[in-house]
C-alpha atoms as a PDB file:
ATOM      1  CA  MET A   1      80.944  70.152  99.203  1.00  0.00           C
ATOM      2  CA  ILE A   2      83.410  72.930  99.843  1.00  0.00           C
ATOM      3  CA  LEU A   3      83.903  74.750 103.071  1.00  0.00           C
ATOM      4  CA  LEU A   4      85.854  78.049 103.338  1.00  0.00           C
ATOM      5  CA  VAL A   5      87.418  79.018 106.639  1.00  0.00           C
ATOM      6  CA  THR A   6      89.093  82.351 107.052  1.00  0.00           C
ATOM      7  CA  ILE A   7      91.163  83.394 110.055  1.00  0.00           C
ATOM      8  CA  ILE A   8      92.742  86.819 110.702  1.00  0.00           C
ATOM      9  CA  THR A   9      95.689  86.564 112.880  1.00  0.00           C
ATOM     10  CA  GLY A  10      98.685  88.639 113.920  1.00  0.00           C
ATOM     11  CA  VAL A  11     102.146  87.470 112.906  1.00  0.00           C
ATOM     12  CA  GLY A  12     104.828  89.774 114.564  1.00  0.00           C
ATOM     13  CA  ASN A  13     103.583  93.246 113.861  1.00  0.00           C
ATOM     14  CA  MET A  14     101.883  92.233 110.560  1.00  0.00           C
ATOM     15  CA  ASN A  15      98.271  91.089 110.396  1.00  0.00           C
ATOM     16  CA  MET A  16      97.798  88.069 108.191  1.00  0.00           C
ATOM     17  CA  ILE A  17      94.748  86.274 106.698  1.00  0.00           C
ATOM     18  CA  VAL A  18      94.731  82.592 106.532  1.00  0.00           C
ATOM     19  CA  VAL A  19      92.203  80.978 104.065  1.00  0.00           C
ATOM     20  CA  MET A  20      91.655  77.277 104.205  1.00  0.00           C
ATOM     21  CA  LEU A  21      89.516  75.528 101.602  1.00  0.00           C
ATOM     22  CA  TYR A  22      88.015  72.197 102.818  1.00  0.00           C
ATOM     23  CA  GLY A  23      86.405  69.506 100.666  1.00  0.00           C
ATOM     24  CA  CYS A  24      84.503  66.318 101.364  1.00  0.00           C
ATOM     25  CA  ASP A  25      84.776  63.179  99.343  1.00  0.00           C
ATOM     26  CA  PHE A  26      82.107  60.515  98.799  1.00  0.00           C
ATOM     27  CA  HIS A  27      83.119  58.824 102.135  1.00  0.00           C
ATOM     28  CA  HIS A  28      82.631  62.119 103.975  1.00  0.00           C
ATOM     29  CA  SER A  29      86.291  62.361 104.810  1.00  0.00           C
ATOM     30  CA  VAL A  30      87.378  65.987 105.265  1.00  0.00           C
ATOM     31  CA  PHE A  31      90.601  67.094 103.667  1.00  0.00           C
ATOM     32  CA  ILE A  32      92.326  70.504 103.123  1.00  0.00           C
ATOM     33  CA  ASN A  33      92.508  71.417  99.434  1.00  0.00           C
ATOM     34  CA  GLN A  34      94.436  74.574  99.814  1.00  0.00           C
ATOM     35  CA  VAL A  35      95.754  76.969 102.429  1.00  0.00           C
ATOM     36  CA  LEU A  36      96.560  80.535 101.561  1.00  0.00           C
ATOM     37  CA  ILE A  37      98.425  82.905 103.871  1.00  0.00           C
ATOM     38  CA  LEU A  38      98.274  86.577 102.802  1.00  0.00           C
ATOM     39  CA  PRO A  39      99.247  89.816 104.366  1.00  0.00           C
ATOM     40  CA  LEU A  40      95.964  91.513 105.304  1.00  0.00           C
ATOM     41  CA  ASN A  41      96.946  94.760 103.603  1.00  0.00           C
ATOM     42  CA  ILE A  42      96.684  92.876 100.197  1.00  0.00           C
ATOM     43  CA  ILE A  43      93.014  92.545 100.971  1.00  0.00           C
ATOM     44  CA  MET A  44      92.447  95.809 102.791  1.00  0.00           C
ATOM     45  CA  ALA A  45      93.398  99.056 101.258  1.00  0.00           C
ATOM     46  CA  THR A  46      93.777 100.981 104.504  1.00  0.00           C
ATOM     47  CA  ILE A  47      96.936 100.345 106.618  1.00  0.00           C
ATOM     48  CA  GLN A  48      96.846  99.750 110.298  1.00  0.00           C
ATOM     49  CA  MET A  49      99.326 102.016 112.102  1.00  0.00           C
ATOM     50  CA  THR A  50     101.039 101.746 115.484  1.00  0.00           C
ATOM     51  CA  THR A  51     102.554 104.603 117.359  1.00  0.00           C
ATOM     52  CA  GLN A  52     106.058 103.603 116.116  1.00  0.00           C
ATOM     53  CA  ASP A  53     104.786 103.412 112.566  1.00  0.00           C
ATOM     54  CA  PHE A  54     103.504 106.962 112.970  1.00  0.00           C
ATOM     55  CA  LYS A  55     106.880 108.154 114.212  1.00  0.00           C
ATOM     56  CA  ASP A  56     108.663 106.349 111.280  1.00  0.00           C
ATOM     57  CA  LYS A  57     106.325 107.238 108.455  1.00  0.00           C
ATOM     58  CA  VAL A  58     104.401 110.522 109.390  1.00  0.00           C
ATOM     59  CA  PHE A  59     106.037 112.565 112.144  1.00  0.00           C
ATOM     60  CA  ASN A  60     108.435 111.818 114.961  1.00  0.00           C
ATOM     61  CA  TYR A  61     107.139 114.030 117.710  1.00  0.00           C
ATOM     62  CA  GLU A  62     109.850 112.862 120.113  1.00  0.00           C
ATOM     63  CA  LYS A  63     112.717 114.193 117.892  1.00  0.00           C
ATOM     64  CA  GLU A  64     111.077 117.187 116.215  1.00  0.00           C
ATOM     65  CA  ALA A  65     109.598 120.249 117.792  1.00  0.00           C
ATOM     66  CA  ASP A  66     107.844 121.573 114.599  1.00  0.00           C
ATOM     67  CA  TRP A  67     105.521 119.390 112.417  1.00  0.00           C
ATOM     68  CA  LYS A  68     107.336 117.966 109.386  1.00  0.00           C
ATOM     69  CA  TYR A  69     105.387 115.287 107.345  1.00  0.00           C
ATOM     70  CA  GLN A  70     107.754 112.427 106.411  1.00  0.00           C
ATOM     71  CA  GLY A  71     105.557 110.861 103.763  1.00  0.00           C
ATOM     72  CA  THR A  72     105.609 111.382 100.078  1.00  0.00           C
ATOM     73  CA  LEU A  73     101.810 111.039  99.415  1.00  0.00           C
ATOM     74  CA  PRO A  74      98.951 112.856 101.065  1.00  0.00           C
ATOM     75  CA  ALA A  75      97.503 110.892 103.838  1.00  0.00           C
ATOM     76  CA  ILE A  76      94.354 110.367 105.955  1.00  0.00           C
ATOM     77  CA  ILE A  77      94.855 108.961 109.485  1.00  0.00           C
ATOM     78  CA  ASP A  78      91.637 107.535 111.019  1.00  0.00           C
ATOM     79  CA  PHE A  79      91.665 107.538 114.765  1.00  0.00           C
ATOM     80  CA  TYR A  80      88.991 104.899 115.643  1.00  0.00           C
ATOM     81  CA  ALA A  81      87.964 102.162 118.116  1.00  0.00           C
ATOM     82  CA  ASP A  82      86.482  98.769 117.276  1.00  0.00           C
ATOM     83  CA  TRP A  83      83.522  99.349 119.654  1.00  0.00           C
ATOM     84  CA  CYS A  84      82.624 102.742 117.975  1.00  0.00           C
ATOM     85  CA  GLY A  85      79.404 102.734 115.921  1.00  0.00           C
ATOM     86  CA  PRO A  86      80.244 105.859 113.800  1.00  0.00           C
ATOM     87  CA  CYS A  87      83.850 104.441 113.159  1.00  0.00           C
ATOM     88  CA  LYS A  88      82.258 101.307 111.859  1.00  0.00           C
ATOM     89  CA  MET A  89      80.204 103.434 109.454  1.00  0.00           C
ATOM     90  CA  VAL A  90      83.247 105.316 108.148  1.00  0.00           C
ATOM     91  CA  ALA A  91      85.542 102.251 107.941  1.00  0.00           C
ATOM     92  CA  PRO A  92      84.160 100.917 104.615  1.00  0.00           C
ATOM     93  CA  ILE A  93      84.042 104.390 103.071  1.00  0.00           C
ATOM     94  CA  LEU A  94      87.698 104.864 103.855  1.00  0.00           C
ATOM     95  CA  GLU A  95      88.542 101.383 102.404  1.00  0.00           C
ATOM     96  CA  GLU A  96      86.656 102.282  99.196  1.00  0.00           C
ATOM     97  CA  LEU A  97      88.376 105.774  98.905  1.00  0.00           C
ATOM     98  CA  SER A  98      91.715 104.175  99.533  1.00  0.00           C
ATOM     99  CA  LYS A  99      91.240 101.953  96.624  1.00  0.00           C
ATOM    100  CA  ASP A 100      89.693 104.803  94.482  1.00  0.00           C
ATOM    101  CA  TYR A 101      92.671 107.030  95.116  1.00  0.00           C
ATOM    102  CA  GLU A 102      95.364 104.320  95.117  1.00  0.00           C
ATOM    103  CA  GLY A 103      98.731 105.853  94.403  1.00  0.00           C
ATOM    104  CA  LYS A 104      97.435 109.387  95.162  1.00  0.00           C
ATOM    105  CA  ILE A 105      96.838 109.100  98.881  1.00  0.00           C
ATOM    106  CA  ILE A 106      97.556 106.696 101.827  1.00  0.00           C
ATOM    107  CA  VAL A 107      94.850 105.965 104.406  1.00  0.00           C
ATOM    108  CA  TYR A 108      96.089 104.850 107.819  1.00  0.00           C
ATOM    109  CA  LYS A 109      94.078 103.551 110.742  1.00  0.00           C
ATOM    110  CA  VAL A 110      95.016 104.136 114.414  1.00  0.00           C
ATOM    111  CA  ASP A 111      93.285 102.089 117.076  1.00  0.00           C
ATOM    112  CA  THR A 112      92.902 104.500 119.904  1.00  0.00           C
ATOM    113  CA  ASP A 113      92.493 101.811 122.467  1.00  0.00           C
ATOM    114  CA  ALA A 114      95.785 100.141 121.449  1.00  0.00           C
ATOM    115  CA  GLU A 115      97.631 103.269 120.560  1.00  0.00           C
ATOM    116  CA  GLN A 116      96.859 105.515 123.625  1.00  0.00           C
ATOM    117  CA  GLU A 117     100.128 107.451 123.590  1.00  0.00           C
ATOM    118  CA  LEU A 118      99.497 108.546 120.052  1.00  0.00           C
ATOM    119  CA  SER A 119      95.880 109.413 120.813  1.00  0.00           C
ATOM    120  CA  ALA A 120      96.915 111.520 123.779  1.00  0.00           C
ATOM    121  CA  VAL A 121      99.707 113.373 121.761  1.00  0.00           C
ATOM    122  CA  PHE A 122      96.945 114.459 119.426  1.00  0.00           C
ATOM    123  CA  GLY A 123      94.355 115.106 122.073  1.00  0.00           C
ATOM    124  CA  ILE A 124      91.776 112.716 120.620  1.00  0.00           C
ATOM    125  CA  GLN A 125      88.641 113.170 122.638  1.00  0.00           C
ATOM    126  CA  SER A 126      86.025 111.934 120.161  1.00  0.00           C
ATOM    127  CA  ILE A 127      86.196 109.235 117.522  1.00  0.00           C
ATOM    128  CA  PRO A 128      86.338 108.943 114.738  1.00  0.00           C
ATOM    129  CA  THR A 129      88.739 111.699 114.310  1.00  0.00           C
ATOM    130  CA  LEU A 130      90.438 112.102 110.961  1.00  0.00           C
ATOM    131  CA  LEU A 131      93.820 113.709 110.449  1.00  0.00           C
ATOM    132  CA  PHE A 132      94.228 114.940 106.838  1.00  0.00           C
ATOM    133  CA  ILE A 133      97.740 115.604 105.584  1.00  0.00           C
ATOM    134  CA  GLY A 134      97.717 117.389 102.233  1.00  0.00           C
ATOM    135  CA  ALA A 135     100.313 117.363  99.481  1.00  0.00           C
ATOM    136  CA  ASP A 136     101.938 120.446 101.153  1.00  0.00           C
ATOM    137  CA  GLY A 137     102.323 118.302 104.399  1.00  0.00           C
ATOM    138  CA  GLU A 138     100.051 120.531 106.401  1.00  0.00           C
ATOM    139  CA  PRO A 139      97.802 118.607 108.923  1.00  0.00           C
ATOM    140  CA  MET A 140      94.057 119.282 109.351  1.00  0.00           C
ATOM    141  CA  MET A 141      92.067 117.523 112.130  1.00  0.00           C
ATOM    142  CA  GLN A 142      88.401 116.792 111.873  1.00  0.00           C
ATOM    143  CA  PRO A 143      86.349 114.925 114.463  1.00  0.00           C
ATOM    144  CA  GLY A 144      83.312 113.061 113.405  1.00  0.00           C
ATOM    145  CA  ALA A 145      82.017 110.715 110.895  1.00  0.00           C
ATOM    146  CA  LEU A 146      82.076 112.522 107.582  1.00  0.00           C
ATOM    147  CA  PRO A 147      79.922 111.267 104.628  1.00  0.00           C
ATOM    148  CA  LYS A 148      81.635 109.981 101.486  1.00  0.00           C
ATOM    149  CA  HIS A 149      80.864 113.003  99.367  1.00  0.00           C
ATOM    150  CA  VAL A 150      82.548 115.349 101.937  1.00  0.00           C
ATOM    151  CA  LEU A 151      85.589 113.101 102.168  1.00  0.00           C
ATOM    152  CA  LYS A 152      85.917 113.026  98.499  1.00  0.00           C
ATOM    153  CA  GLN A 153      85.671 116.891  98.326  1.00  0.00           C
ATOM    154  CA  VAL A 154      88.408 117.255 101.017  1.00  0.00           C
ATOM    155  CA  ILE A 155      90.630 114.737  99.031  1.00  0.00           C
ATOM    156  CA  GLU A 156      90.100 116.463  95.773  1.00  0.00           C
ATOM    157  CA  GLU A 157      90.155 120.114  96.831  1.00  0.00           C
ATOM    158  CA  LYS A 158      92.538 120.059  99.887  1.00  0.00           C
ATOM    159  CA  MET A 159      94.809 117.126  99.334  1.00  0.00           C
ATOM    160  CA  ILE A 160      95.510 116.096  95.840  1.00  0.00           C
ATOM    161  CA  SER A 161      94.678 119.314  93.951  1.00  0.00           C
ATOM    162  CA  LYS A 162      97.991 120.793  94.955  1.00  0.00           C
ATOM    163  CA  VAL A 163      99.809 117.734  93.590  1.00  0.00           C
ATOM    164  CA  LYS A 164      97.949 118.220  90.241  1.00  0.00           C
ATOM    165  CA  ASN A 165      98.921 121.866  90.068  1.00  0.00           C
ATOM    166  CA  GLU A 166     102.578 121.158  90.900  1.00  0.00           C
ATOM    167  CA  ASP A 167     102.694 118.515  88.151  1.00  0.00           C
ATOM    168  CA  VAL A 168     101.625 121.109  85.651  1.00  0.00           C
ATOM    169  CA  LEU A 169     104.296 123.674  86.655  1.00  0.00           C
END
């Protein structure tokens, strides 16, 4: 008999997943066969973002007056909350799209309950709210749970199509 136990925990500012495989011998003694400790972002394609991460990787609104995207790839930033039903519907779609467009876009997630300062800066009043940052670095905000086909259309037409066109030139 094998039992799998999975624990998700925070280590510093990095979320980790601990997987423990338990086995039973003929005398019903329990022993641990293997313990794996992995960064959660290996398993999840989206990246959890704090206010400080946003300032470091996207835009430092404390130092800059005008918007200037600091990233190298187009990005989607999902402002969500764990208790939000529509957010829970969008989350697996964003995970899937993050994997489908790996190397072309980055998908970040901002927990609005934990990151209230960042939510206030962007005036987030309904969740989910998505911040799209295209290849040109220009931001577009869209509140609401968008269906997968609409998200794919935005990614293809507004975010990465400009990257493709620039590669041709």
